[in-house]
Amino acid sequence: MGSPEHALSQVKKKAAEHRKKRLDHIKTRIIVGTATCGVAAGARDVVNALNREIEARKLSHAIVTETGCSGRCDLEPLVQVLRDGEPPVLYNHIDEEKARRIVQQHVQNGEVIDEWTVD
């Protein structure tokens, strides 16, 4: 029987392999700032709208994740779209309607909505 450290190492290794398999098909990551400033500006509603729209459109290649403060409280809610092989795009002042359009235009069709991006 191995040491507790070895057993823990094996568990961590299996978990990492499982996570990699689960996320291999993800081609688009949508990151929403949900620190205090983001939540106060409506980021929770934006996260929910993004998830609902992704589910409604059956976009299994996209996932929404959350992050902390980016230091740009004046631009919240901030949404970053990372599509494989493309530069990241950061959107600002996003509400539920804009979130739905981001999924439709950018995530699904690859069309960046320039007027909402941060320079």
PDB file of N, CA and C in Angstrom:
ATOM      1  N   MET A   1       0.838  -1.184   0.000  1.00  0.00           N
ATOM      2  CA  MET A   1       0.000   0.000   0.000  1.00  0.00           C
ATOM      3  C   MET A   1       0.880   1.243   0.000  1.00  0.00           C
ATOM      4  N   GLY A   2       0.536   2.252  -0.807  1.00  0.00           N
ATOM      5  CA  GLY A   2       1.343   3.457  -0.940  1.00  0.00           C
ATOM      6  C   GLY A   2       1.092   4.462   0.163  1.00  0.00           C
ATOM      7  N   SER A   3       1.881   5.480   0.138  1.00  0.00           N
ATOM      8  CA  SER A   3       1.764   6.534   1.142  1.00  0.00           C
ATOM      9  C   SER A   3       0.533   7.395   0.872  1.00  0.00           C
ATOM     10  N   PRO A   4       0.065   8.133   1.891  1.00  0.00           N
ATOM     11  CA  PRO A   4      -1.063   9.049   1.671  1.00  0.00           C
ATOM     12  C   PRO A   4      -0.743  10.098   0.597  1.00  0.00           C
ATOM     13  N   GLU A   5       0.500  10.531   0.532  1.00  0.00           N
ATOM     14  CA  GLU A   5       0.901  11.516  -0.472  1.00  0.00           C
ATOM     15  C   GLU A   5       0.757  10.952  -1.877  1.00  0.00           C
ATOM     16  N   HIS A   6       1.144   9.680  -2.042  1.00  0.00           N
ATOM     17  CA  HIS A   6       1.020   9.025  -3.348  1.00  0.00           C
ATOM     18  C   HIS A   6      -0.455   8.870  -3.730  1.00  0.00           C
ATOM     19  N   ALA A   7      -1.268   8.467  -2.776  1.00  0.00           N
ATOM     20  CA  ALA A   7      -2.707   8.307  -3.033  1.00  0.00           C
ATOM     21  C   ALA A   7      -3.330   9.639  -3.434  1.00  0.00           C
ATOM     22  N   LEU A   8      -2.975  10.709  -2.733  1.00  0.00           N
ATOM     23  CA  LEU A   8      -3.489  12.033  -3.063  1.00  0.00           C
ATOM     24  C   LEU A   8      -3.020  12.465  -4.444  1.00  0.00           C
ATOM     25  N   SER A   9      -1.787  12.190  -4.763  1.00  0.00           N
ATOM     26  CA  SER A   9      -1.243  12.515  -6.073  1.00  0.00           C
ATOM     27  C   SER A   9      -2.028  11.804  -7.172  1.00  0.00           C
ATOM     28  N   GLN A  10      -2.363  10.537  -6.964  1.00  0.00           N
ATOM     29  CA  GLN A  10      -3.125   9.764  -7.944  1.00  0.00           C
ATOM     30  C   GLN A  10      -4.527  10.336  -8.126  1.00  0.00           C
ATOM     31  N   VAL A  11      -5.166  10.715  -7.028  1.00  0.00           N
ATOM     32  CA  VAL A  11      -6.511  11.311  -7.093  1.00  0.00           C
ATOM     33  C   VAL A  11      -6.465  12.617  -7.877  1.00  0.00           C
ATOM     34  N   LYS A  12      -5.464  13.449  -7.603  1.00  0.00           N
ATOM     35  CA  LYS A  12      -5.324  14.717  -8.321  1.00  0.00           C
ATOM     36  C   LYS A  12      -5.090  14.491  -9.808  1.00  0.00           C
ATOM     37  N   LYS A  13      -4.268  13.493 -10.135  1.00  0.00           N
ATOM     38  CA  LYS A  13      -3.972  13.176 -11.529  1.00  0.00           C
ATOM     39  C   LYS A  13      -5.236  12.730 -12.268  1.00  0.00           C
ATOM     40  N   LYS A  14      -6.021  11.851 -11.646  1.00  0.00           N
ATOM     41  CA  LYS A  14      -7.262  11.382 -12.264  1.00  0.00           C
ATOM     42  C   LYS A  14      -8.250  12.534 -12.439  1.00  0.00           C
ATOM     43  N   ALA A  15      -8.337  13.414 -11.461  1.00  0.00           N
ATOM     44  CA  ALA A  15      -9.248  14.560 -11.553  1.00  0.00           C
ATOM     45  C   ALA A  15      -8.831  15.485 -12.691  1.00  0.00           C
ATOM     46  N   ALA A  16      -7.544  15.720 -12.846  1.00  0.00           N
ATOM     47  CA  ALA A  16      -7.051  16.582 -13.923  1.00  0.00           C
ATOM     48  C   ALA A  16      -7.346  15.967 -15.287  1.00  0.00           C
ATOM     49  N   GLU A  17      -7.171  14.657 -15.414  1.00  0.00           N
ATOM     50  CA  GLU A  17      -7.471  13.973 -16.677  1.00  0.00           C
ATOM     51  C   GLU A  17      -8.964  14.063 -17.000  1.00  0.00           C
ATOM     52  N   HIS A  18      -9.801  13.868 -15.987  1.00  0.00           N
ATOM     53  CA  HIS A  18     -11.253  13.952 -16.175  1.00  0.00           C
ATOM     54  C   HIS A  18     -11.660  15.365 -16.606  1.00  0.00           C
ATOM     55  N   ARG A  19     -11.099  16.382 -15.949  1.00  0.00           N
ATOM     56  CA  ARG A  19     -11.407  17.774 -16.277  1.00  0.00           C
ATOM     57  C   ARG A  19     -10.983  18.091 -17.709  1.00  0.00           C
ATOM     58  N   LYS A  20      -9.810  17.624 -18.109  1.00  0.00           N
ATOM     59  CA  LYS A  20      -9.322  17.865 -19.471  1.00  0.00           C
ATOM     60  C   LYS A  20     -10.253  17.235 -20.498  1.00  0.00           C
ATOM     61  N   LYS A  21     -10.673  15.996 -20.263  1.00  0.00           N
ATOM     62  CA  LYS A  21     -11.593  15.322 -21.182  1.00  0.00           C
ATOM     63  C   LYS A  21     -12.911  16.074 -21.284  1.00  0.00           C
ATOM     64  N   ARG A  22     -13.394  16.551 -20.154  1.00  0.00           N
ATOM     65  CA  ARG A  22     -14.670  17.251 -20.101  1.00  0.00           C
ATOM     66  C   ARG A  22     -14.610  18.574 -20.844  1.00  0.00           C
ATOM     67  N   LEU A  23     -13.474  19.236 -20.850  1.00  0.00           N
ATOM     68  CA  LEU A  23     -13.359  20.575 -21.433  1.00  0.00           C
ATOM     69  C   LEU A  23     -12.688  20.598 -22.800  1.00  0.00           C
ATOM     70  N   ASP A  24     -12.269  19.448 -23.322  1.00  0.00           N
ATOM     71  CA  ASP A  24     -11.588  19.412 -24.625  1.00  0.00           C
ATOM     72  C   ASP A  24     -12.436  19.977 -25.757  1.00  0.00           C
ATOM     73  N   HIS A  25     -13.737  19.808 -25.693  1.00  0.00           N
ATOM     74  CA  HIS A  25     -14.613  20.276 -26.780  1.00  0.00           C
ATOM     75  C   HIS A  25     -14.938  21.765 -26.684  1.00  0.00           C
ATOM     76  N   ILE A  26     -14.536  22.420 -25.598  1.00  0.00           N
ATOM     77  CA  ILE A  26     -14.821  23.844 -25.420  1.00  0.00           C
ATOM     78  C   ILE A  26     -13.913  24.652 -26.339  1.00  0.00           C
ATOM     79  N   LYS A  27     -14.495  25.435 -27.222  1.00  0.00           N
ATOM     80  CA  LYS A  27     -13.754  26.261 -28.172  1.00  0.00           C
ATOM     81  C   LYS A  27     -13.918  27.751 -27.883  1.00  0.00           C
ATOM     82  N   THR A  28     -14.926  28.090 -27.071  1.00  0.00           N
ATOM     83  CA  THR A  28     -15.175  29.489 -26.729  1.00  0.00           C
ATOM     84  C   THR A  28     -15.403  29.602 -25.234  1.00  0.00           C
ATOM     85  N   ARG A  29     -14.667  30.519 -24.619  1.00  0.00           N
ATOM     86  CA  ARG A  29     -14.837  30.810 -23.201  1.00  0.00           C
ATOM     87  C   ARG A  29     -15.320  32.246 -23.064  1.00  0.00           C
ATOM     88  N   ILE A  30     -16.356  32.426 -22.270  1.00  0.00           N
ATOM     89  CA  ILE A  30     -16.908  33.749 -22.007  1.00  0.00           C
ATOM     90  C   ILE A  30     -16.683  34.017 -20.524  1.00  0.00           C
ATOM     91  N   ILE A  31     -15.912  35.045 -20.234  1.00  0.00           N
ATOM     92  CA  ILE A  31     -15.520  35.335 -18.856  1.00  0.00           C
ATOM     93  C   ILE A  31     -16.192  36.627 -18.417  1.00  0.00           C
ATOM     94  N   VAL A  32     -16.912  36.556 -17.297  1.00  0.00           N
ATOM     95  CA  VAL A  32     -17.641  37.703 -16.780  1.00  0.00           C
ATOM     96  C   VAL A  32     -17.034  38.107 -15.441  1.00  0.00           C
ATOM     97  N   GLY A  33     -16.768  39.405 -15.284  1.00  0.00           N
ATOM     98  CA  GLY A  33     -16.264  39.924 -14.016  1.00  0.00           C
ATOM     99  C   GLY A  33     -17.381  39.986 -12.989  1.00  0.00           C
ATOM    100  N   THR A  34     -17.242  39.175 -11.932  1.00  0.00           N
ATOM    101  CA  THR A  34     -18.290  39.138 -10.911  1.00  0.00           C
ATOM    102  C   THR A  34     -17.760  39.502  -9.524  1.00  0.00           C
ATOM    103  N   ALA A  35     -16.799  40.425  -9.498  1.00  0.00           N
ATOM    104  CA  ALA A  35     -16.393  40.980  -8.208  1.00  0.00           C
ATOM    105  C   ALA A  35     -17.514  41.918  -7.752  1.00  0.00           C
ATOM    106  N   THR A  36     -17.349  42.529  -6.614  1.00  0.00           N
ATOM    107  CA  THR A  36     -18.391  43.384  -6.052  1.00  0.00           C
ATOM    108  C   THR A  36     -18.873  44.444  -7.033  1.00  0.00           C
ATOM    109  N   CYS A  37     -17.939  45.095  -7.729  1.00  0.00           N
ATOM    110  CA  CYS A  37     -18.324  46.153  -8.661  1.00  0.00           C
ATOM    111  C   CYS A  37     -19.122  45.598  -9.831  1.00  0.00           C
ATOM    112  N   GLY A  38     -18.737  44.441 -10.338  1.00  0.00           N
ATOM    113  CA  GLY A  38     -19.457  43.810 -11.436  1.00  0.00           C
ATOM    114  C   GLY A  38     -20.858  43.393 -11.031  1.00  0.00           C
ATOM    115  N   VAL A  39     -20.972  42.768  -9.873  1.00  0.00           N
ATOM    116  CA  VAL A  39     -22.279  42.331  -9.383  1.00  0.00           C
ATOM    117  C   VAL A  39     -23.189  43.538  -9.154  1.00  0.00           C
ATOM    118  N   ALA A  40     -22.636  44.600  -8.584  1.00  0.00           N
ATOM    119  CA  ALA A  40     -23.432  45.815  -8.358  1.00  0.00           C
ATOM    120  C   ALA A  40     -23.924  46.417  -9.676  1.00  0.00           C
ATOM    121  N   ALA A  41     -23.175  46.213 -10.748  1.00  0.00           N
ATOM    122  CA  ALA A  41     -23.546  46.766 -12.052  1.00  0.00           C
ATOM    123  C   ALA A  41     -24.440  45.820 -12.858  1.00  0.00           C
ATOM    124  N   GLY A  42     -24.700  44.599 -12.336  1.00  0.00           N
ATOM    125  CA  GLY A  42     -25.612  43.695 -13.020  1.00  0.00           C
ATOM    126  C   GLY A  42     -24.978  42.453 -13.611  1.00  0.00           C
ATOM    127  N   ALA A  43     -23.749  42.131 -13.223  1.00  0.00           N
ATOM    128  CA  ALA A  43     -23.040  40.988 -13.809  1.00  0.00           C
ATOM    129  C   ALA A  43     -23.740  39.656 -13.563  1.00  0.00           C
ATOM    130  N   ARG A  44     -24.427  39.495 -12.436  1.00  0.00           N
ATOM    131  CA  ARG A  44     -25.121  38.236 -12.157  1.00  0.00           C
ATOM    132  C   ARG A  44     -26.186  37.981 -13.225  1.00  0.00           C
ATOM    133  N   ASP A  45     -26.946  39.029 -13.563  1.00  0.00           N
ATOM    134  CA  ASP A  45     -27.973  38.905 -14.614  1.00  0.00           C
ATOM    135  C   ASP A  45     -27.335  38.607 -15.965  1.00  0.00           C
ATOM    136  N   VAL A  46     -26.169  39.189 -16.227  1.00  0.00           N
ATOM    137  CA  VAL A  46     -25.454  38.949 -17.488  1.00  0.00           C
ATOM    138  C   VAL A  46     -25.014  37.487 -17.570  1.00  0.00           C
ATOM    139  N   VAL A  47     -24.460  36.948 -16.495  1.00  0.00           N
ATOM    140  CA  VAL A  47     -24.051  35.541 -16.466  1.00  0.00           C
ATOM    141  C   VAL A  47     -25.254  34.651 -16.771  1.00  0.00           C
ATOM    142  N   ASN A  48     -26.368  34.921 -16.103  1.00  0.00           N
ATOM    143  CA  ASN A  48     -27.571  34.115 -16.313  1.00  0.00           C
ATOM    144  C   ASN A  48     -28.071  34.215 -17.752  1.00  0.00           C
ATOM    145  N   ALA A  49     -28.066  35.421 -18.311  1.00  0.00           N
ATOM    146  CA  ALA A  49     -28.523  35.613 -19.696  1.00  0.00           C
ATOM    147  C   ALA A  49     -27.612  34.876 -20.673  1.00  0.00           C
ATOM    148  N   LEU A  50     -26.300  34.951 -20.466  1.00  0.00           N
ATOM    149  CA  LEU A  50     -25.351  34.238 -21.324  1.00  0.00           C
ATOM    150  C   LEU A  50     -25.601  32.735 -21.280  1.00  0.00           C
ATOM    151  N   ASN A  51     -25.740  32.204 -20.082  1.00  0.00           N
ATOM    152  CA  ASN A  51     -25.965  30.762 -19.937  1.00  0.00           C
ATOM    153  C   ASN A  51     -27.283  30.327 -20.582  1.00  0.00           C
ATOM    154  N   ARG A  52     -28.335  31.120 -20.386  1.00  0.00           N
ATOM    155  CA  ARG A  52     -29.629  30.781 -21.005  1.00  0.00           C
ATOM    156  C   ARG A  52     -29.534  30.786 -22.528  1.00  0.00           C
ATOM    157  N   GLU A  53     -28.852  31.788 -23.088  1.00  0.00           N
ATOM    158  CA  GLU A  53     -28.743  31.903 -24.546  1.00  0.00           C
ATOM    159  C   GLU A  53     -27.883  30.779 -25.125  1.00  0.00           C
ATOM    160  N   ILE A  54     -26.816  30.434 -24.454  1.00  0.00           N
ATOM    161  CA  ILE A  54     -25.972  29.316 -24.900  1.00  0.00           C
ATOM    162  C   ILE A  54     -26.783  28.024 -24.895  1.00  0.00           C
ATOM    163  N   GLU A  55     -27.547  27.818 -23.843  1.00  0.00           N
ATOM    164  CA  GLU A  55     -28.375  26.616 -23.754  1.00  0.00           C
ATOM    165  C   GLU A  55     -29.467  26.616 -24.830  1.00  0.00           C
ATOM    166  N   ALA A  56     -30.126  27.741 -25.029  1.00  0.00           N
ATOM    167  CA  ALA A  56     -31.199  27.835 -26.018  1.00  0.00           C
ATOM    168  C   ALA A  56     -30.684  27.554 -27.430  1.00  0.00           C
ATOM    169  N   ARG A  57     -29.469  27.976 -27.709  1.00  0.00           N
ATOM    170  CA  ARG A  57     -28.878  27.784 -29.037  1.00  0.00           C
ATOM    171  C   ARG A  57     -28.093  26.474 -29.142  1.00  0.00           C
ATOM    172  N   LYS A  58     -28.071  25.719 -28.041  1.00  0.00           N
ATOM    173  CA  LYS A  58     -27.382  24.417 -28.010  1.00  0.00           C
ATOM    174  C   LYS A  58     -25.918  24.526 -28.448  1.00  0.00           C
ATOM    175  N   LEU A  59     -25.226  25.506 -27.883  1.00  0.00           N
ATOM    176  CA  LEU A  59     -23.822  25.749 -28.219  1.00  0.00           C
ATOM    177  C   LEU A  59     -22.930  25.017 -27.217  1.00  0.00           C
ATOM    178  N   SER A  60     -22.747  23.739 -27.424  1.00  0.00           N
ATOM    179  CA  SER A  60     -21.984  22.921 -26.478  1.00  0.00           C
ATOM    180  C   SER A  60     -20.498  23.252 -26.476  1.00  0.00           C
ATOM    181  N   HIS A  61     -20.036  24.036 -27.448  1.00  0.00           N
ATOM    182  CA  HIS A  61     -18.620  24.397 -27.524  1.00  0.00           C
ATOM    183  C   HIS A  61     -18.283  25.637 -26.696  1.00  0.00           C
ATOM    184  N   ALA A  62     -19.288  26.253 -26.058  1.00  0.00           N
ATOM    185  CA  ALA A  62     -19.069  27.497 -25.313  1.00  0.00           C
ATOM    186  C   ALA A  62     -19.365  27.296 -23.828  1.00  0.00           C
ATOM    187  N   ILE A  63     -18.602  28.010 -23.013  1.00  0.00           N
ATOM    188  CA  ILE A  63     -18.786  27.930 -21.564  1.00  0.00           C
ATOM    189  C   ILE A  63     -18.631  29.324 -20.966  1.00  0.00           C
ATOM    190  N   VAL A  64     -19.421  29.610 -19.932  1.00  0.00           N
ATOM    191  CA  VAL A  64     -19.331  30.875 -19.209  1.00  0.00           C
ATOM    192  C   VAL A  64     -18.620  30.615 -17.892  1.00  0.00           C
ATOM    193  N   THR A  65     -17.609  31.445 -17.610  1.00  0.00           N
ATOM    194  CA  THR A  65     -16.923  31.373 -16.320  1.00  0.00           C
ATOM    195  C   THR A  65     -16.899  32.771 -15.714  1.00  0.00           C
ATOM    196  N   GLU A  66     -16.539  32.826 -14.457  1.00  0.00           N
ATOM    197  CA  GLU A  66     -16.499  34.101 -13.745  1.00  0.00           C
ATOM    198  C   GLU A  66     -15.083  34.384 -13.265  1.00  0.00           C
ATOM    199  N   THR A  67     -14.795  35.675 -13.119  1.00  0.00           N
ATOM    200  CA  THR A  67     -13.493  36.094 -12.611  1.00  0.00           C
ATOM    201  C   THR A  67     -13.703  37.246 -11.637  1.00  0.00           C
ATOM    202  N   GLY A  68     -12.650  37.629 -10.969  1.00  0.00           N
ATOM    203  CA  GLY A  68     -12.709  38.714 -10.005  1.00  0.00           C
ATOM    204  C   GLY A  68     -12.533  40.071 -10.660  1.00  0.00           C
ATOM    205  N   CYS A  69     -12.020  40.980  -9.901  1.00  0.00           N
ATOM    206  CA  CYS A  69     -11.896  42.381 -10.321  1.00  0.00           C
ATOM    207  C   CYS A  69     -10.812  42.552 -11.386  1.00  0.00           C
ATOM    208  N   SER A  70     -11.141  43.340 -12.408  1.00  0.00           N
ATOM    209  CA  SER A  70     -10.168  43.644 -13.455  1.00  0.00           C
ATOM    210  C   SER A  70      -9.582  45.041 -13.289  1.00  0.00           C
ATOM    211  N   GLY A  71     -10.096  45.777 -12.313  1.00  0.00           N
ATOM    212  CA  GLY A  71      -9.606  47.127 -12.072  1.00  0.00           C
ATOM    213  C   GLY A  71     -10.287  48.185 -12.929  1.00  0.00           C
ATOM    214  N   ARG A  72     -11.313  47.812 -13.654  1.00  0.00           N
ATOM    215  CA  ARG A  72     -12.039  48.755 -14.515  1.00  0.00           C
ATOM    216  C   ARG A  72     -13.505  48.839 -14.087  1.00  0.00           C
ATOM    217  N   CYS A  73     -13.725  49.211 -12.835  1.00  0.00           N
ATOM    218  CA  CYS A  73     -15.074  49.280 -12.276  1.00  0.00           C
ATOM    219  C   CYS A  73     -15.991  50.193 -13.095  1.00  0.00           C
ATOM    220  N   ASP A  74     -15.415  51.210 -13.726  1.00  0.00           N
ATOM    221  CA  ASP A  74     -16.208  52.159 -14.513  1.00  0.00           C
ATOM    222  C   ASP A  74     -16.790  51.540 -15.776  1.00  0.00           C
ATOM    223  N   LEU A  75     -16.322  50.351 -16.164  1.00  0.00           N
ATOM    224  CA  LEU A  75     -16.774  49.706 -17.401  1.00  0.00           C
ATOM    225  C   LEU A  75     -17.655  48.479 -17.151  1.00  0.00           C
ATOM    226  N   GLU A  76     -17.923  48.163 -15.895  1.00  0.00           N
ATOM    227  CA  GLU A  76     -18.686  46.962 -15.557  1.00  0.00           C
ATOM    228  C   GLU A  76     -20.132  47.069 -16.026  1.00  0.00           C
ATOM    229  N   PRO A  77     -20.752  45.936 -16.263  1.00  0.00           N
ATOM    230  CA  PRO A  77     -20.222  44.594 -16.345  1.00  0.00           C
ATOM    231  C   PRO A  77     -19.342  44.384 -17.575  1.00  0.00           C
ATOM    232  N   LEU A  78     -18.220  43.726 -17.342  1.00  0.00           N
ATOM    233  CA  LEU A  78     -17.271  43.394 -18.412  1.00  0.00           C
ATOM    234  C   LEU A  78     -17.430  41.923 -18.798  1.00  0.00           C
ATOM    235  N   VAL A  79     -17.372  41.669 -20.101  1.00  0.00           N
ATOM    236  CA  VAL A  79     -17.468  40.315 -20.631  1.00  0.00           C
ATOM    237  C   VAL A  79     -16.341  40.125 -21.636  1.00  0.00           C
ATOM    238  N   GLN A  80     -15.517  39.115 -21.414  1.00  0.00           N
ATOM    239  CA  GLN A  80     -14.439  38.807 -22.351  1.00  0.00           C
ATOM    240  C   GLN A  80     -14.791  37.525 -23.095  1.00  0.00           C
ATOM    241  N   VAL A  81     -14.636  37.557 -24.417  1.00  0.00           N
ATOM    242  CA  VAL A  81     -14.889  36.382 -25.246  1.00  0.00           C
ATOM    243  C   VAL A  81     -13.550  35.889 -25.789  1.00  0.00           C
ATOM    244  N   LEU A  82     -13.254  34.632 -25.501  1.00  0.00           N
ATOM    245  CA  LEU A  82     -12.033  33.982 -25.969  1.00  0.00           C
ATOM    246  C   LEU A  82     -12.431  32.829 -26.879  1.00  0.00           C
ATOM    247  N   ARG A  83     -12.210  33.018 -28.178  1.00  0.00           N
ATOM    248  CA  ARG A  83     -12.481  31.958 -29.157  1.00  0.00           C
ATOM    249  C   ARG A  83     -11.137  31.398 -29.605  1.00  0.00           C
ATOM    250  N   ASP A  84     -11.041  30.072 -29.666  1.00  0.00           N
ATOM    251  CA  ASP A  84      -9.788  29.428 -30.080  1.00  0.00           C
ATOM    252  C   ASP A  84      -9.276  30.039 -31.379  1.00  0.00           C
ATOM    253  N   GLY A  85      -7.980  30.392 -31.381  1.00  0.00           N
ATOM    254  CA  GLY A  85      -7.331  30.896 -32.583  1.00  0.00           C
ATOM    255  C   GLY A  85      -7.605  32.353 -32.898  1.00  0.00           C
ATOM    256  N   GLU A  86      -8.299  33.064 -32.018  1.00  0.00           N
ATOM    257  CA  GLU A  86      -8.617  34.475 -32.245  1.00  0.00           C
ATOM    258  C   GLU A  86      -8.158  35.302 -31.052  1.00  0.00           C
ATOM    259  N   PRO A  87      -7.874  36.597 -31.272  1.00  0.00           N
ATOM    260  CA  PRO A  87      -7.512  37.440 -30.132  1.00  0.00           C
ATOM    261  C   PRO A  87      -8.708  37.623 -29.196  1.00  0.00           C
ATOM    262  N   PRO A  88      -8.447  37.820 -27.912  1.00  0.00           N
ATOM    263  CA  PRO A  88      -9.546  38.035 -26.971  1.00  0.00           C
ATOM    264  C   PRO A  88     -10.262  39.355 -27.259  1.00  0.00           C
ATOM    265  N   VAL A  89     -11.550  39.382 -26.964  1.00  0.00           N
ATOM    266  CA  VAL A  89     -12.359  40.590 -27.139  1.00  0.00           C
ATOM    267  C   VAL A  89     -12.993  40.911 -25.796  1.00  0.00           C
ATOM    268  N   LEU A  90     -12.842  42.163 -25.360  1.00  0.00           N
ATOM    269  CA  LEU A  90     -13.407  42.605 -24.088  1.00  0.00           C
ATOM    270  C   LEU A  90     -14.542  43.585 -24.349  1.00  0.00           C
ATOM    271  N   TYR A  91     -15.736  43.217 -23.887  1.00  0.00           N
ATOM    272  CA  TYR A  91     -16.930  44.061 -24.022  1.00  0.00           C
ATOM    273  C   TYR A  91     -17.214  44.753 -22.700  1.00  0.00           C
ATOM    274  N   ASN A  92     -17.747  45.990 -22.778  1.00  0.00           N
ATOM    275  CA  ASN A  92     -18.042  46.738 -21.556  1.00  0.00           C
ATOM    276  C   ASN A  92     -19.485  47.207 -21.513  1.00  0.00           C
ATOM    277  N   HIS A  93     -19.941  47.510 -20.289  1.00  0.00           N
ATOM    278  CA  HIS A  93     -21.308  47.970 -20.031  1.00  0.00           C
ATOM    279  C   HIS A  93     -22.335  47.006 -20.624  1.00  0.00           C
ATOM    280  N   ILE A  94     -22.183  45.727 -20.327  1.00  0.00           N
ATOM    281  CA  ILE A  94     -23.041  44.699 -20.898  1.00  0.00           C
ATOM    282  C   ILE A  94     -24.264  44.477 -20.003  1.00  0.00           C
ATOM    283  N   ASP A  95     -25.429  44.410 -20.646  1.00  0.00           N
ATOM    284  CA  ASP A  95     -26.663  44.071 -19.947  1.00  0.00           C
ATOM    285  C   ASP A  95     -27.196  42.760 -20.530  1.00  0.00           C
ATOM    286  N   GLU A  96     -28.375  42.349 -20.105  1.00  0.00           N
ATOM    287  CA  GLU A  96     -28.900  41.057 -20.557  1.00  0.00           C
ATOM    288  C   GLU A  96     -29.121  41.014 -22.068  1.00  0.00           C
ATOM    289  N   GLU A  97     -29.658  42.064 -22.644  1.00  0.00           N
ATOM    290  CA  GLU A  97     -29.908  42.094 -24.088  1.00  0.00           C
ATOM    291  C   GLU A  97     -28.592  42.043 -24.870  1.00  0.00           C
ATOM    292  N   LYS A  98     -27.607  42.817 -24.434  1.00  0.00           N
ATOM    293  CA  LYS A  98     -26.300  42.788 -25.095  1.00  0.00           C
ATOM    294  C   LYS A  98     -25.661  41.408 -24.944  1.00  0.00           C
ATOM    295  N   ALA A  99     -25.843  40.781 -23.792  1.00  0.00           N
ATOM    296  CA  ALA A  99     -25.289  39.441 -23.572  1.00  0.00           C
ATOM    297  C   ALA A  99     -25.869  38.461 -24.586  1.00  0.00           C
ATOM    298  N   ARG A 100     -27.174  38.523 -24.806  1.00  0.00           N
ATOM    299  CA  ARG A 100     -27.803  37.629 -25.789  1.00  0.00           C
ATOM    300  C   ARG A 100     -27.247  37.881 -27.193  1.00  0.00           C
ATOM    301  N   ARG A 101     -27.044  39.146 -27.539  1.00  0.00           N
ATOM    302  CA  ARG A 101     -26.486  39.481 -28.858  1.00  0.00           C
ATOM    303  C   ARG A 101     -25.039  39.020 -28.989  1.00  0.00           C
ATOM    304  N   ILE A 102     -24.268  39.097 -27.916  1.00  0.00           N
ATOM    305  CA  ILE A 102     -22.885  38.617 -27.949  1.00  0.00           C
ATOM    306  C   ILE A 102     -22.867  37.126 -28.271  1.00  0.00           C
ATOM    307  N   VAL A 103     -23.756  36.365 -27.641  1.00  0.00           N
ATOM    308  CA  VAL A 103     -23.814  34.931 -27.931  1.00  0.00           C
ATOM    309  C   VAL A 103     -24.194  34.711 -29.389  1.00  0.00           C
ATOM    310  N   GLN A 104     -25.225  35.395 -29.845  1.00  0.00           N
ATOM    311  CA  GLN A 104     -25.710  35.219 -31.220  1.00  0.00           C
ATOM    312  C   GLN A 104     -24.669  35.644 -32.249  1.00  0.00           C
ATOM    313  N   GLN A 105     -24.169  36.863 -32.131  1.00  0.00           N
ATOM    314  CA  GLN A 105     -23.292  37.416 -33.159  1.00  0.00           C
ATOM    315  C   GLN A 105     -21.846  36.960 -33.032  1.00  0.00           C
ATOM    316  N   HIS A 106     -21.280  37.040 -31.821  1.00  0.00           N
ATOM    317  CA  HIS A 106     -19.858  36.747 -31.669  1.00  0.00           C
ATOM    318  C   HIS A 106     -19.603  35.257 -31.462  1.00  0.00           C
ATOM    319  N   VAL A 107     -20.266  34.686 -30.461  1.00  0.00           N
ATOM    320  CA  VAL A 107     -19.990  33.289 -30.130  1.00  0.00           C
ATOM    321  C   VAL A 107     -20.454  32.358 -31.245  1.00  0.00           C
ATOM    322  N   GLN A 108     -21.661  32.567 -31.738  1.00  0.00           N
ATOM    323  CA  GLN A 108     -22.196  31.660 -32.751  1.00  0.00           C
ATOM    324  C   GLN A 108     -21.706  31.984 -34.158  1.00  0.00           C
ATOM    325  N   ASN A 109     -21.639  33.271 -34.505  1.00  0.00           N
ATOM    326  CA  ASN A 109     -21.339  33.653 -35.893  1.00  0.00           C
ATOM    327  C   ASN A 109     -19.955  34.264 -36.104  1.00  0.00           C
ATOM    328  N   GLY A 110     -19.203  34.483 -35.036  1.00  0.00           N
ATOM    329  CA  GLY A 110     -17.848  35.007 -35.176  1.00  0.00           C
ATOM    330  C   GLY A 110     -17.765  36.488 -35.504  1.00  0.00           C
ATOM    331  N   GLU A 111     -18.851  37.236 -35.294  1.00  0.00           N
ATOM    332  CA  GLU A 111     -18.883  38.668 -35.606  1.00  0.00           C
ATOM    333  C   GLU A 111     -18.693  39.497 -34.339  1.00  0.00           C
ATOM    334  N   VAL A 112     -17.560  40.170 -34.227  1.00  0.00           N
ATOM    335  CA  VAL A 112     -17.294  41.038 -33.075  1.00  0.00           C
ATOM    336  C   VAL A 112     -18.204  42.265 -33.171  1.00  0.00           C
ATOM    337  N   ILE A 113     -18.761  42.670 -32.040  1.00  0.00           N
ATOM    338  CA  ILE A 113     -19.612  43.867 -31.983  1.00  0.00           C
ATOM    339  C   ILE A 113     -18.730  45.009 -31.516  1.00  0.00           C
ATOM    340  N   ASP A 114     -18.108  45.690 -32.470  1.00  0.00           N
ATOM    341  CA  ASP A 114     -17.073  46.689 -32.202  1.00  0.00           C
ATOM    342  C   ASP A 114     -17.511  47.819 -31.280  1.00  0.00           C
ATOM    343  N   GLU A 115     -18.755  48.268 -31.394  1.00  0.00           N
ATOM    344  CA  GLU A 115     -19.176  49.445 -30.616  1.00  0.00           C
ATOM    345  C   GLU A 115     -19.242  49.169 -29.111  1.00  0.00           C
ATOM    346  N   TRP A 116     -19.167  47.920 -28.678  1.00  0.00           N
ATOM    347  CA  TRP A 116     -19.193  47.596 -27.251  1.00  0.00           C
ATOM    348  C   TRP A 116     -17.829  47.196 -26.724  1.00  0.00           C
ATOM    349  N   THR A 117     -16.796  47.197 -27.551  1.00  0.00           N
ATOM    350  CA  THR A 117     -15.501  46.700 -27.105  1.00  0.00           C
ATOM    351  C   THR A 117     -14.688  47.792 -26.397  1.00  0.00           C
ATOM    352  N   VAL A 118     -13.768  47.339 -25.565  1.00  0.00           N
ATOM    353  CA  VAL A 118     -12.827  48.215 -24.888  1.00  0.00           C
ATOM    354  C   VAL A 118     -11.586  48.323 -25.763  1.00  0.00           C
ATOM    355  N   ASP A 119     -11.137  49.531 -26.030  1.00  0.00           N
ATOM    356  CA  ASP A 119      -9.936  49.735 -26.853  1.00  0.00           C
ATOM    357  C   ASP A 119      -8.681  49.426 -26.087  1.00  0.00           C
TER     358      ASP A 119
END
